[in-house]
Amino acid sequence: MSPNAAIRESARIWYPEVIKSAAEGSAELRVTAAWVMGQDNQSPEFHMALLKQLTDANPMVRRNAALSLVRFADPSGQDVISGMLAPYSMAAPRSGTLATRLKPGDVINPGTLVAHVAVSGENVEMRSDVPGTIAQWTVPDGAQVRAGQPVLVVDPSPEMVWESLRALYLIGQKADAPAVDRYARGIEGMPPQIQQQATLTAKEIAARAVTGDR
């Protein structure tokens, strides 16, 4: 038995707890569990739990689950992975008056407080779901908004783009080519390795399209 296999075998006692956290834990635990389960791509229990996480309410859970599924040679999360290359739209959590805290160009992480919505004298926090850079507010500060109304657009972080491109190198389809090509041409503010990976991913997708492989 290899050292890595021995480590996995000794860790199996904790697998039920990881799977339970993936389904019932806090958002932070579910995000972590989605990553942990990708470390053993020989576990059918982890595979099934990751498939269920693709419908999690938290976008970071869905993203980690989709990326981990690639380790299982399972492209079920392809749409989630492709979406990591696109701007992310955030909605108002409640109906009320929007009070923005941050401005376009500000870098945010999951949990960053970006705004409040005043509802009957109560300030309801609006926190970021994903990492990235604020691209624009689609409604002005002080506007009346409805619950679920899109109010903020977030450009993806370099880390999310990098992970997406690496995964699409393996599972990307012809439909992903335009988004990948955009990064291959270079985007201001993105590190050079993003353009390099995008170029490699675009070539691999094109080759698969010719051969008919995934």
N, C-alpha and C. Protein backbone atom coordinates (compact mmCIF):
# COMPACT_ATOMS: atom_id res chain seq x y z
N MET A 1 0.85 -1.20 0.00
CA MET A 1 0.00 0.00 0.00
C MET A 1 0.88 1.25 0.00
N SER A 2 0.57 2.21 -0.88
CA SER A 2 1.36 3.43 -0.95
C SER A 2 1.11 4.29 0.29
N PRO A 3 2.05 5.22 0.60
CA PRO A 3 1.84 6.10 1.76
C PRO A 3 0.54 6.89 1.67
N ASN A 4 0.24 7.40 0.46
CA ASN A 4 -0.99 8.18 0.31
C ASN A 4 -2.23 7.32 0.55
N ALA A 5 -2.18 6.08 0.04
CA ALA A 5 -3.32 5.18 0.23
C ALA A 5 -3.49 4.84 1.70
N ALA A 6 -2.36 4.67 2.40
CA ALA A 6 -2.42 4.37 3.83
C ALA A 6 -3.03 5.52 4.61
N ILE A 7 -2.68 6.74 4.23
CA ILE A 7 -3.24 7.92 4.89
C ILE A 7 -4.75 8.00 4.67
N ARG A 8 -5.17 7.75 3.42
CA ARG A 8 -6.60 7.78 3.12
C ARG A 8 -7.35 6.73 3.92
N GLU A 9 -6.74 5.53 4.01
CA GLU A 9 -7.40 4.44 4.73
C GLU A 9 -7.57 4.79 6.21
N SER A 10 -6.53 5.39 6.80
CA SER A 10 -6.62 5.75 8.22
C SER A 10 -7.61 6.87 8.46
N ALA A 11 -7.87 7.69 7.42
CA ALA A 11 -8.78 8.82 7.56
C ALA A 11 -10.25 8.43 7.35
N ARG A 12 -10.48 7.21 6.88
CA ARG A 12 -11.86 6.81 6.55
C ARG A 12 -12.80 6.86 7.73
N ILE A 13 -12.26 6.74 8.92
CA ILE A 13 -13.11 6.80 10.10
C ILE A 13 -13.85 8.12 10.20
N TRP A 14 -13.27 9.16 9.56
CA TRP A 14 -13.87 10.49 9.62
C TRP A 14 -14.80 10.78 8.43
N TYR A 15 -14.84 9.88 7.47
CA TYR A 15 -15.63 10.14 6.26
C TYR A 15 -17.10 10.40 6.56
N PRO A 16 -17.75 9.64 7.44
CA PRO A 16 -19.16 9.94 7.73
C PRO A 16 -19.38 11.35 8.26
N GLU A 17 -18.45 11.84 9.09
CA GLU A 17 -18.57 13.19 9.62
C GLU A 17 -18.41 14.23 8.52
N VAL A 18 -17.49 13.98 7.59
CA VAL A 18 -17.29 14.90 6.47
C VAL A 18 -18.57 14.97 5.62
N ILE A 19 -19.15 13.81 5.34
CA ILE A 19 -20.37 13.77 4.53
C ILE A 19 -21.53 14.45 5.25
N LYS A 20 -21.60 14.26 6.56
CA LYS A 20 -22.65 14.94 7.34
C LYS A 20 -22.46 16.45 7.28
N SER A 21 -21.22 16.91 7.41
CA SER A 21 -20.94 18.35 7.34
C SER A 21 -21.28 18.90 5.97
N ALA A 22 -21.03 18.10 4.94
CA ALA A 22 -21.33 18.53 3.57
C ALA A 22 -22.81 18.79 3.37
N ALA A 23 -23.64 18.05 4.10
CA ALA A 23 -25.09 18.17 3.93
C ALA A 23 -25.74 19.10 4.94
N GLU A 24 -25.22 19.12 6.18
CA GLU A 24 -25.93 19.79 7.26
C GLU A 24 -25.12 20.87 7.96
N GLY A 25 -23.85 21.00 7.64
CA GLY A 25 -23.00 21.94 8.36
C GLY A 25 -23.26 23.39 7.98
N SER A 26 -22.55 24.29 8.65
CA SER A 26 -22.62 25.71 8.30
C SER A 26 -22.05 25.90 6.89
N ALA A 27 -22.24 27.10 6.34
CA ALA A 27 -21.72 27.38 5.00
C ALA A 27 -20.22 27.12 4.94
N GLU A 28 -19.50 27.56 5.97
CA GLU A 28 -18.05 27.39 5.99
C GLU A 28 -17.68 25.91 6.00
N LEU A 29 -18.40 25.10 6.79
CA LEU A 29 -18.11 23.67 6.84
C LEU A 29 -18.45 22.99 5.52
N ARG A 30 -19.54 23.41 4.88
CA ARG A 30 -19.92 22.79 3.61
C ARG A 30 -18.90 23.12 2.51
N VAL A 31 -18.39 24.34 2.53
CA VAL A 31 -17.35 24.72 1.57
C VAL A 31 -16.11 23.87 1.78
N THR A 32 -15.69 23.73 3.04
CA THR A 32 -14.50 22.94 3.35
C THR A 32 -14.70 21.47 3.00
N ALA A 33 -15.88 20.93 3.33
CA ALA A 33 -16.16 19.53 3.04
C ALA A 33 -16.10 19.26 1.54
N ALA A 34 -16.59 20.20 0.75
CA ALA A 34 -16.56 20.02 -0.71
C ALA A 34 -15.13 19.90 -1.22
N TRP A 35 -14.23 20.65 -0.61
CA TRP A 35 -12.81 20.57 -1.01
C TRP A 35 -12.20 19.26 -0.50
N VAL A 36 -12.46 18.92 0.76
CA VAL A 36 -11.88 17.71 1.36
C VAL A 36 -12.28 16.46 0.58
N MET A 37 -13.53 16.38 0.17
CA MET A 37 -14.01 15.18 -0.51
C MET A 37 -13.35 14.98 -1.87
N GLY A 38 -12.81 16.06 -2.44
CA GLY A 38 -12.09 15.93 -3.70
C GLY A 38 -10.72 15.31 -3.55
N GLN A 39 -10.26 15.15 -2.31
CA GLN A 39 -8.92 14.60 -2.09
C GLN A 39 -8.89 13.07 -2.18
N ASP A 40 -10.06 12.44 -2.14
CA ASP A 40 -10.12 10.99 -2.31
C ASP A 40 -11.11 10.68 -3.42
N ASN A 41 -10.60 10.60 -4.63
CA ASN A 41 -11.48 10.37 -5.77
C ASN A 41 -11.79 8.89 -6.00
N GLN A 42 -11.48 8.08 -4.98
CA GLN A 42 -11.84 6.65 -5.04
C GLN A 42 -13.04 6.34 -4.14
N SER A 43 -13.58 7.37 -3.48
CA SER A 43 -14.68 7.15 -2.54
C SER A 43 -16.02 7.38 -3.22
N PRO A 44 -16.82 6.33 -3.42
CA PRO A 44 -18.15 6.51 -4.02
C PRO A 44 -19.07 7.35 -3.13
N GLU A 45 -18.87 7.26 -1.80
CA GLU A 45 -19.70 8.05 -0.89
C GLU A 45 -19.43 9.54 -1.08
N PHE A 46 -18.16 9.91 -1.22
CA PHE A 46 -17.81 11.31 -1.47
C PHE A 46 -18.37 11.76 -2.82
N HIS A 47 -18.28 10.88 -3.80
CA HIS A 47 -18.77 11.22 -5.14
C HIS A 47 -20.25 11.59 -5.09
N MET A 48 -21.03 10.77 -4.42
CA MET A 48 -22.47 11.03 -4.33
C MET A 48 -22.75 12.31 -3.54
N ALA A 49 -22.00 12.52 -2.46
CA ALA A 49 -22.22 13.72 -1.65
C ALA A 49 -21.89 14.98 -2.45
N LEU A 50 -20.85 14.92 -3.26
CA LEU A 50 -20.47 16.08 -4.08
C LEU A 50 -21.55 16.38 -5.13
N LEU A 51 -22.13 15.36 -5.71
CA LEU A 51 -23.20 15.57 -6.68
C LEU A 51 -24.38 16.32 -6.04
N LYS A 52 -24.69 15.95 -4.79
CA LYS A 52 -25.77 16.63 -4.09
C LYS A 52 -25.42 18.09 -3.82
N GLN A 53 -24.14 18.37 -3.57
CA GLN A 53 -23.73 19.74 -3.26
C GLN A 53 -23.84 20.68 -4.46
N LEU A 54 -23.99 20.15 -5.65
CA LEU A 54 -24.13 21.01 -6.83
C LEU A 54 -25.39 21.86 -6.77
N THR A 55 -26.33 21.50 -5.90
CA THR A 55 -27.56 22.28 -5.76
C THR A 55 -27.59 23.06 -4.44
N ASP A 56 -26.44 23.14 -3.76
CA ASP A 56 -26.37 23.87 -2.50
C ASP A 56 -26.72 25.34 -2.73
N ALA A 57 -27.30 25.97 -1.72
CA ALA A 57 -27.69 27.38 -1.83
C ALA A 57 -26.48 28.31 -1.90
N ASN A 58 -25.34 27.86 -1.38
CA ASN A 58 -24.15 28.70 -1.34
C ASN A 58 -23.32 28.51 -2.60
N PRO A 59 -23.02 29.57 -3.35
CA PRO A 59 -22.27 29.41 -4.60
C PRO A 59 -20.86 28.86 -4.41
N MET A 60 -20.22 29.16 -3.27
CA MET A 60 -18.87 28.65 -3.05
C MET A 60 -18.88 27.15 -2.79
N VAL A 61 -19.94 26.64 -2.18
CA VAL A 61 -20.09 25.20 -2.01
C VAL A 61 -20.24 24.55 -3.38
N ARG A 62 -21.11 25.13 -4.22
CA ARG A 62 -21.31 24.58 -5.56
C ARG A 62 -20.01 24.58 -6.35
N ARG A 63 -19.24 25.64 -6.23
CA ARG A 63 -17.99 25.74 -6.98
C ARG A 63 -16.98 24.69 -6.51
N ASN A 64 -16.79 24.59 -5.21
CA ASN A 64 -15.85 23.59 -4.71
C ASN A 64 -16.29 22.18 -5.06
N ALA A 65 -17.58 21.93 -5.00
CA ALA A 65 -18.09 20.61 -5.35
C ALA A 65 -17.84 20.31 -6.82
N ALA A 66 -18.10 21.27 -7.68
CA ALA A 66 -17.89 21.07 -9.12
C ALA A 66 -16.42 20.80 -9.43
N LEU A 67 -15.53 21.55 -8.78
CA LEU A 67 -14.10 21.36 -9.00
C LEU A 67 -13.65 20.00 -8.47
N SER A 68 -14.17 19.59 -7.33
CA SER A 68 -13.80 18.29 -6.77
C SER A 68 -14.31 17.15 -7.66
N LEU A 69 -15.46 17.33 -8.26
CA LEU A 69 -15.99 16.28 -9.14
C LEU A 69 -15.10 16.04 -10.35
N VAL A 70 -14.38 17.05 -10.78
CA VAL A 70 -13.45 16.87 -11.90
C VAL A 70 -12.40 15.83 -11.53
N ARG A 71 -12.02 15.76 -10.25
CA ARG A 71 -11.06 14.75 -9.79
C ARG A 71 -11.62 13.35 -9.92
N PHE A 72 -12.95 13.25 -9.94
CA PHE A 72 -13.61 11.96 -10.15
C PHE A 72 -13.85 11.68 -11.64
N ALA A 73 -13.29 12.54 -12.49
CA ALA A 73 -13.55 12.46 -13.93
C ALA A 73 -15.04 12.61 -14.22
N ASP A 74 -15.72 13.42 -13.41
CA ASP A 74 -17.15 13.64 -13.54
C ASP A 74 -17.38 15.11 -13.91
N PRO A 75 -17.91 15.37 -15.11
CA PRO A 75 -18.11 16.75 -15.56
C PRO A 75 -19.47 17.33 -15.18
N SER A 76 -20.15 16.73 -14.20
CA SER A 76 -21.50 17.17 -13.84
C SER A 76 -21.56 18.64 -13.45
N GLY A 77 -20.47 19.18 -12.92
CA GLY A 77 -20.47 20.58 -12.49
C GLY A 77 -19.92 21.54 -13.53
N GLN A 78 -19.93 21.12 -14.80
CA GLN A 78 -19.33 21.96 -15.84
C GLN A 78 -19.96 23.34 -15.92
N ASP A 79 -21.28 23.42 -15.84
CA ASP A 79 -21.94 24.73 -15.92
C ASP A 79 -21.50 25.63 -14.77
N VAL A 80 -21.33 25.06 -13.59
CA VAL A 80 -20.87 25.84 -12.44
C VAL A 80 -19.46 26.36 -12.69
N ILE A 81 -18.59 25.48 -13.20
CA ILE A 81 -17.20 25.85 -13.46
C ILE A 81 -17.12 26.91 -14.55
N SER A 82 -17.88 26.75 -15.60
CA SER A 82 -17.89 27.76 -16.67
C SER A 82 -18.36 29.11 -16.14
N GLY A 83 -19.34 29.07 -15.24
CA GLY A 83 -19.88 30.31 -14.68
C GLY A 83 -18.88 31.07 -13.84
N MET A 84 -17.82 30.40 -13.38
CA MET A 84 -16.80 31.07 -12.59
C MET A 84 -15.99 32.07 -13.41
N LEU A 85 -16.08 31.98 -14.72
CA LEU A 85 -15.38 32.92 -15.59
C LEU A 85 -16.18 34.20 -15.85
N ALA A 86 -17.44 34.18 -15.48
CA ALA A 86 -18.34 35.28 -15.78
C ALA A 86 -18.59 36.16 -14.56
N PRO A 87 -19.00 37.41 -14.77
CA PRO A 87 -19.39 38.25 -13.63
C PRO A 87 -20.53 37.60 -12.85
N TYR A 88 -20.54 37.87 -11.55
CA TYR A 88 -21.54 37.29 -10.66
C TYR A 88 -22.51 38.38 -10.22
N SER A 89 -23.79 38.10 -10.30
CA SER A 89 -24.82 39.07 -9.94
C SER A 89 -25.33 38.79 -8.54
N MET A 90 -25.29 39.83 -7.68
CA MET A 90 -25.81 39.71 -6.33
C MET A 90 -27.15 40.43 -6.22
N ALA A 91 -28.04 39.84 -5.44
CA ALA A 91 -29.39 40.39 -5.29
C ALA A 91 -29.60 40.97 -3.90
N ALA A 92 -30.53 41.88 -3.79
CA ALA A 92 -30.89 42.46 -2.50
C ALA A 92 -31.50 41.38 -1.61
N PRO A 93 -31.09 41.27 -0.34
CA PRO A 93 -31.62 40.23 0.54
C PRO A 93 -33.05 40.50 1.00
N ARG A 94 -33.43 41.79 1.05
CA ARG A 94 -34.77 42.18 1.50
C ARG A 94 -35.23 43.39 0.69
N SER A 95 -36.48 43.70 0.76
CA SER A 95 -37.01 44.92 0.14
C SER A 95 -36.77 46.09 1.09
N GLY A 96 -36.31 47.21 0.55
CA GLY A 96 -36.03 48.37 1.39
C GLY A 96 -35.18 49.38 0.67
N THR A 97 -34.45 50.19 1.43
CA THR A 97 -33.59 51.24 0.86
C THR A 97 -32.14 50.79 0.90
N LEU A 98 -31.49 50.80 -0.26
CA LEU A 98 -30.12 50.34 -0.39
C LEU A 98 -29.14 51.41 0.07
N ALA A 99 -28.18 51.01 0.90
CA ALA A 99 -27.10 51.91 1.33
C ALA A 99 -25.78 51.20 1.05
N THR A 100 -25.11 51.60 -0.02
CA THR A 100 -23.88 50.92 -0.43
C THR A 100 -22.71 51.32 0.47
N ARG A 101 -21.78 50.38 0.68
CA ARG A 101 -20.59 50.64 1.49
C ARG A 101 -19.33 50.72 0.64
N LEU A 102 -19.30 49.94 -0.44
CA LEU A 102 -18.10 49.84 -1.26
C LEU A 102 -18.37 50.36 -2.66
N LYS A 103 -17.29 50.58 -3.39
CA LYS A 103 -17.41 51.19 -4.71
C LYS A 103 -16.77 50.30 -5.78
N PRO A 104 -17.07 50.55 -7.06
CA PRO A 104 -16.45 49.77 -8.13
C PRO A 104 -14.92 49.82 -8.01
N GLY A 105 -14.32 48.66 -8.22
CA GLY A 105 -12.87 48.54 -8.10
C GLY A 105 -12.42 47.95 -6.78
N ASP A 106 -13.31 47.95 -5.78
CA ASP A 106 -12.95 47.37 -4.48
C ASP A 106 -12.94 45.84 -4.57
N VAL A 107 -11.91 45.24 -3.97
CA VAL A 107 -11.78 43.79 -3.94
C VAL A 107 -12.54 43.24 -2.73
N ILE A 108 -13.30 42.18 -2.94
CA ILE A 108 -14.10 41.60 -1.87
C ILE A 108 -13.87 40.09 -1.79
N ASN A 109 -14.23 39.52 -0.65
CA ASN A 109 -14.16 38.09 -0.41
C ASN A 109 -15.50 37.60 0.10
N PRO A 110 -15.73 36.29 0.11
CA PRO A 110 -16.99 35.81 0.69
C PRO A 110 -17.15 36.31 2.12
N GLY A 111 -18.29 36.90 2.39
CA GLY A 111 -18.56 37.43 3.72
C GLY A 111 -18.30 38.92 3.86
N THR A 112 -17.66 39.54 2.86
CA THR A 112 -17.41 40.98 2.94
C THR A 112 -18.73 41.74 2.96
N LEU A 113 -18.86 42.67 3.88
CA LEU A 113 -20.06 43.51 3.95
C LEU A 113 -20.00 44.55 2.84
N VAL A 114 -20.93 44.49 1.90
CA VAL A 114 -20.91 45.39 0.75
C VAL A 114 -21.98 46.47 0.84
N ALA A 115 -23.05 46.22 1.60
CA ALA A 115 -24.14 47.19 1.67
C ALA A 115 -25.09 46.83 2.81
N HIS A 116 -25.99 47.77 3.10
CA HIS A 116 -27.11 47.51 4.00
C HIS A 116 -28.40 47.80 3.23
N VAL A 117 -29.45 47.14 3.65
CA VAL A 117 -30.78 47.46 3.15
C VAL A 117 -31.63 47.84 4.35
N ALA A 118 -32.07 49.09 4.38
CA ALA A 118 -32.87 49.59 5.49
C ALA A 118 -34.31 49.11 5.32
N VAL A 119 -34.78 48.37 6.33
CA VAL A 119 -36.13 47.81 6.31
C VAL A 119 -36.82 48.16 7.61
N SER A 120 -37.75 49.10 7.58
CA SER A 120 -38.52 49.50 8.77
C SER A 120 -37.61 49.80 9.96
N GLY A 121 -36.58 50.59 9.71
CA GLY A 121 -35.67 50.99 10.77
C GLY A 121 -34.57 49.99 11.08
N GLU A 122 -34.63 48.83 10.46
CA GLU A 122 -33.60 47.80 10.66
C GLU A 122 -32.65 47.78 9.47
N ASN A 123 -31.34 47.71 9.74
CA ASN A 123 -30.35 47.60 8.67
C ASN A 123 -30.00 46.13 8.44
N VAL A 124 -30.43 45.60 7.30
CA VAL A 124 -30.16 44.22 6.94
C VAL A 124 -28.85 44.17 6.16
N GLU A 125 -27.90 43.37 6.63
CA GLU A 125 -26.60 43.30 5.97
C GLU A 125 -26.67 42.57 4.63
N MET A 126 -25.90 43.07 3.68
CA MET A 126 -25.72 42.40 2.39
C MET A 126 -24.24 42.07 2.28
N ARG A 127 -23.93 40.77 2.34
CA ARG A 127 -22.54 40.33 2.32
C ARG A 127 -22.25 39.56 1.03
N SER A 128 -21.02 39.65 0.61
CA SER A 128 -20.62 39.02 -0.64
C SER A 128 -20.74 37.51 -0.57
N ASP A 129 -21.20 36.92 -1.66
CA ASP A 129 -21.27 35.46 -1.77
C ASP A 129 -19.98 34.86 -2.29
N VAL A 130 -19.24 35.64 -3.09
CA VAL A 130 -18.08 35.12 -3.81
C VAL A 130 -16.93 36.12 -3.74
N PRO A 131 -15.70 35.66 -4.04
CA PRO A 131 -14.58 36.61 -4.12
C PRO A 131 -14.56 37.28 -5.48
N GLY A 132 -14.00 38.47 -5.53
CA GLY A 132 -13.89 39.16 -6.81
C GLY A 132 -13.69 40.65 -6.61
N THR A 133 -14.01 41.40 -7.65
CA THR A 133 -13.88 42.86 -7.64
C THR A 133 -15.22 43.47 -8.03
N ILE A 134 -15.66 44.44 -7.28
CA ILE A 134 -16.93 45.09 -7.60
C ILE A 134 -16.83 45.76 -8.98
N ALA A 135 -17.70 45.34 -9.89
CA ALA A 135 -17.72 45.92 -11.23
C ALA A 135 -18.64 47.13 -11.28
N GLN A 136 -19.87 46.94 -10.78
CA GLN A 136 -20.81 48.07 -10.78
C GLN A 136 -22.03 47.76 -9.91
N TRP A 137 -22.59 48.82 -9.37
CA TRP A 137 -23.91 48.75 -8.75
C TRP A 137 -24.92 49.03 -9.85
N THR A 138 -25.91 48.17 -9.98
CA THR A 138 -26.90 48.34 -11.05
C THR A 138 -28.05 49.24 -10.64
N VAL A 139 -28.09 49.62 -9.37
CA VAL A 139 -29.04 50.61 -8.88
C VAL A 139 -28.26 51.62 -8.05
N PRO A 140 -28.69 52.88 -7.98
CA PRO A 140 -27.94 53.89 -7.23
C PRO A 140 -28.07 53.76 -5.73
N ASP A 141 -27.10 54.30 -5.02
CA ASP A 141 -27.15 54.34 -3.56
C ASP A 141 -28.40 55.10 -3.13
N GLY A 142 -29.13 54.56 -2.16
CA GLY A 142 -30.35 55.20 -1.68
C GLY A 142 -31.60 54.78 -2.42
N ALA A 143 -31.45 53.89 -3.41
CA ALA A 143 -32.62 53.47 -4.19
C ALA A 143 -33.48 52.48 -3.41
N GLN A 144 -34.75 52.45 -3.75
CA GLN A 144 -35.65 51.44 -3.21
C GLN A 144 -35.47 50.15 -4.02
N VAL A 145 -35.25 49.04 -3.34
CA VAL A 145 -35.02 47.78 -4.03
C VAL A 145 -36.00 46.73 -3.51
N ARG A 146 -36.19 45.70 -4.32
CA ARG A 146 -37.06 44.59 -3.95
C ARG A 146 -36.20 43.39 -3.57
N ALA A 147 -36.69 42.56 -2.70
CA ALA A 147 -35.99 41.33 -2.34
C ALA A 147 -35.78 40.48 -3.59
N GLY A 148 -34.53 40.06 -3.81
CA GLY A 148 -34.21 39.26 -4.98
C GLY A 148 -33.85 40.07 -6.21
N GLN A 149 -33.94 41.40 -6.12
CA GLN A 149 -33.60 42.23 -7.27
C GLN A 149 -32.08 42.32 -7.43
N PRO A 150 -31.54 42.06 -8.63
CA PRO A 150 -30.09 42.20 -8.84
C PRO A 150 -29.67 43.65 -8.62
N VAL A 151 -28.64 43.83 -7.79
CA VAL A 151 -28.20 45.20 -7.48
C VAL A 151 -26.69 45.39 -7.65
N LEU A 152 -25.93 44.28 -7.72
CA LEU A 152 -24.47 44.38 -7.75
C LEU A 152 -23.88 43.34 -8.69
N VAL A 153 -22.89 43.77 -9.48
CA VAL A 153 -22.17 42.86 -10.37
C VAL A 153 -20.73 42.76 -9.88
N VAL A 154 -20.25 41.53 -9.71
CA VAL A 154 -18.89 41.28 -9.21
C VAL A 154 -18.09 40.55 -10.27
N ASP A 155 -16.96 41.12 -10.66
CA ASP A 155 -16.06 40.44 -11.59
C ASP A 155 -15.31 39.33 -10.83
N PRO A 156 -15.04 38.20 -11.50
CA PRO A 156 -14.41 37.07 -10.80
C PRO A 156 -12.99 37.37 -10.35
N SER A 157 -12.59 36.73 -9.26
CA SER A 157 -11.23 36.89 -8.75
C SER A 157 -10.27 36.07 -9.60
N PRO A 158 -8.99 36.45 -9.63
CA PRO A 158 -8.00 35.65 -10.37
C PRO A 158 -7.97 34.20 -9.92
N GLU A 159 -8.15 33.96 -8.61
CA GLU A 159 -8.11 32.58 -8.10
C GLU A 159 -9.25 31.74 -8.67
N MET A 160 -10.45 32.32 -8.75
CA MET A 160 -11.58 31.59 -9.29
C MET A 160 -11.40 31.33 -10.79
N VAL A 161 -10.88 32.32 -11.50
CA VAL A 161 -10.63 32.16 -12.93
C VAL A 161 -9.60 31.06 -13.17
N TRP A 162 -8.54 31.08 -12.37
CA TRP A 162 -7.48 30.08 -12.50
C TRP A 162 -8.02 28.67 -12.29
N GLU A 163 -8.80 28.47 -11.23
CA GLU A 163 -9.35 27.15 -10.96
C GLU A 163 -10.30 26.71 -12.07
N SER A 164 -11.09 27.64 -12.57
CA SER A 164 -12.02 27.32 -13.66
C SER A 164 -11.27 26.90 -14.92
N LEU A 165 -10.25 27.65 -15.27
CA LEU A 165 -9.50 27.35 -16.50
C LEU A 165 -8.79 26.01 -16.40
N ARG A 166 -8.26 25.70 -15.23
CA ARG A 166 -7.58 24.41 -15.05
C ARG A 166 -8.57 23.26 -15.19
N ALA A 167 -9.77 23.45 -14.64
CA ALA A 167 -10.78 22.40 -14.75
C ALA A 167 -11.29 22.27 -16.19
N LEU A 168 -11.50 23.39 -16.84
CA LEU A 168 -12.00 23.35 -18.22
C LEU A 168 -10.98 22.77 -19.18
N TYR A 169 -9.71 22.81 -18.82
CA TYR A 169 -8.68 22.13 -19.61
C TYR A 169 -9.02 20.65 -19.73
N LEU A 170 -9.63 20.11 -18.69
CA LEU A 170 -9.97 18.69 -18.65
C LEU A 170 -11.38 18.39 -19.16
N ILE A 171 -12.33 19.30 -18.91
CA ILE A 171 -13.73 18.96 -19.23
C ILE A 171 -14.41 19.99 -20.12
N GLY A 172 -13.69 21.04 -20.51
CA GLY A 172 -14.32 22.12 -21.27
C GLY A 172 -14.87 21.66 -22.61
N GLN A 173 -15.96 22.30 -23.03
CA GLN A 173 -16.61 22.00 -24.30
C GLN A 173 -16.50 23.20 -25.26
N LYS A 174 -16.90 22.96 -26.48
CA LYS A 174 -16.84 24.01 -27.50
C LYS A 174 -17.60 25.26 -27.05
N ALA A 175 -18.69 25.08 -26.33
CA ALA A 175 -19.49 26.22 -25.87
C ALA A 175 -18.72 27.09 -24.89
N ASP A 176 -17.67 26.54 -24.25
CA ASP A 176 -16.88 27.30 -23.29
C ASP A 176 -15.81 28.15 -23.97
N ALA A 177 -15.56 27.88 -25.24
CA ALA A 177 -14.45 28.53 -25.94
C ALA A 177 -14.50 30.06 -25.92
N PRO A 178 -15.65 30.70 -26.19
CA PRO A 178 -15.66 32.17 -26.19
C PRO A 178 -15.21 32.77 -24.87
N ALA A 179 -15.68 32.21 -23.74
CA ALA A 179 -15.30 32.75 -22.43
C ALA A 179 -13.81 32.52 -22.18
N VAL A 180 -13.31 31.34 -22.55
CA VAL A 180 -11.89 31.05 -22.36
C VAL A 180 -11.04 31.94 -23.25
N ASP A 181 -11.46 32.12 -24.50
CA ASP A 181 -10.70 32.96 -25.44
C ASP A 181 -10.57 34.39 -24.93
N ARG A 182 -11.58 34.87 -24.24
CA ARG A 182 -11.53 36.23 -23.69
C ARG A 182 -10.34 36.38 -22.74
N TYR A 183 -10.11 35.36 -21.93
CA TYR A 183 -8.98 35.42 -21.00
C TYR A 183 -7.66 35.14 -21.72
N ALA A 184 -7.71 34.35 -22.78
CA ALA A 184 -6.50 34.07 -23.56
C ALA A 184 -6.00 35.34 -24.26
N ARG A 185 -6.91 36.24 -24.59
CA ARG A 185 -6.50 37.51 -25.21
C ARG A 185 -5.90 38.47 -24.19
N GLY A 186 -6.13 38.20 -22.92
CA GLY A 186 -5.59 39.03 -21.85
C GLY A 186 -6.62 40.02 -21.34
N ILE A 187 -6.73 40.10 -20.03
CA ILE A 187 -7.65 41.02 -19.38
C ILE A 187 -6.88 41.86 -18.39
N GLU A 188 -7.09 43.16 -18.46
CA GLU A 188 -6.38 44.08 -17.57
C GLU A 188 -6.64 43.71 -16.10
N GLY A 189 -5.56 43.66 -15.33
CA GLY A 189 -5.68 43.36 -13.91
C GLY A 189 -5.50 41.89 -13.57
N MET A 190 -5.55 41.02 -14.59
CA MET A 190 -5.35 39.60 -14.35
C MET A 190 -3.86 39.27 -14.48
N PRO A 191 -3.32 38.42 -13.61
CA PRO A 191 -1.90 38.06 -13.68
C PRO A 191 -1.57 37.30 -14.95
N PRO A 192 -0.30 37.32 -15.38
CA PRO A 192 0.10 36.69 -16.65
C PRO A 192 -0.24 35.21 -16.74
N GLN A 193 -0.17 34.50 -15.61
CA GLN A 193 -0.44 33.06 -15.66
C GLN A 193 -1.88 32.73 -16.05
N ILE A 194 -2.78 33.68 -15.83
CA ILE A 194 -4.17 33.47 -16.25
C ILE A 194 -4.24 33.40 -17.77
N GLN A 195 -3.59 34.32 -18.44
CA GLN A 195 -3.58 34.31 -19.91
C GLN A 195 -2.89 33.05 -20.44
N GLN A 196 -1.81 32.65 -19.80
CA GLN A 196 -1.10 31.44 -20.22
C GLN A 196 -1.97 30.20 -20.09
N GLN A 197 -2.65 30.07 -18.94
CA GLN A 197 -3.52 28.91 -18.74
C GLN A 197 -4.70 28.94 -19.69
N ALA A 198 -5.25 30.13 -19.93
CA ALA A 198 -6.38 30.25 -20.84
C ALA A 198 -5.98 29.82 -22.25
N THR A 199 -4.77 30.15 -22.66
CA THR A 199 -4.29 29.75 -23.98
C THR A 199 -4.19 28.24 -24.08
N LEU A 200 -3.64 27.60 -23.04
CA LEU A 200 -3.55 26.15 -23.02
C LEU A 200 -4.93 25.50 -23.02
N THR A 201 -5.85 26.06 -22.23
CA THR A 201 -7.20 25.51 -22.14
C THR A 201 -7.93 25.64 -23.47
N ALA A 202 -7.77 26.79 -24.12
CA ALA A 202 -8.42 27.01 -25.41
C ALA A 202 -7.94 26.00 -26.45
N LYS A 203 -6.64 25.73 -26.44
CA LYS A 203 -6.08 24.76 -27.40
C LYS A 203 -6.62 23.35 -27.13
N GLU A 204 -6.73 23.00 -25.85
CA GLU A 204 -7.21 21.67 -25.49
C GLU A 204 -8.68 21.51 -25.86
N ILE A 205 -9.48 22.54 -25.63
CA ILE A 205 -10.90 22.49 -26.00
C ILE A 205 -11.04 22.35 -27.52
N ALA A 206 -10.22 23.10 -28.27
CA ALA A 206 -10.27 23.02 -29.73
C ALA A 206 -9.89 21.63 -30.22
N ALA A 207 -8.90 21.03 -29.56
CA ALA A 207 -8.47 19.68 -29.96
C ALA A 207 -9.57 18.66 -29.68
N ARG A 208 -10.25 18.82 -28.54
CA ARG A 208 -11.35 17.90 -28.23
C ARG A 208 -12.49 18.04 -29.22
N ALA A 209 -12.73 19.27 -29.65
CA ALA A 209 -13.82 19.50 -30.60
C ALA A 209 -13.53 18.79 -31.93
N VAL A 210 -12.26 18.70 -32.29
CA VAL A 210 -11.87 18.04 -33.54
C VAL A 210 -12.03 16.53 -33.43
N THR A 211 -11.61 15.98 -32.28
CA THR A 211 -11.66 14.53 -32.09
C THR A 211 -13.01 14.02 -31.63
N GLY A 212 -13.83 14.95 -31.10
CA GLY A 212 -15.14 14.55 -30.61
C GLY A 212 -15.11 14.07 -29.19
N ASP A 213 -13.94 14.17 -28.51
CA ASP A 213 -13.84 13.78 -27.10
C ASP A 213 -14.35 14.91 -26.23
N ARG A 214 -14.59 14.58 -24.94
CA ARG A 214 -14.95 15.61 -23.98
C ARG A 214 -13.78 16.51 -23.75
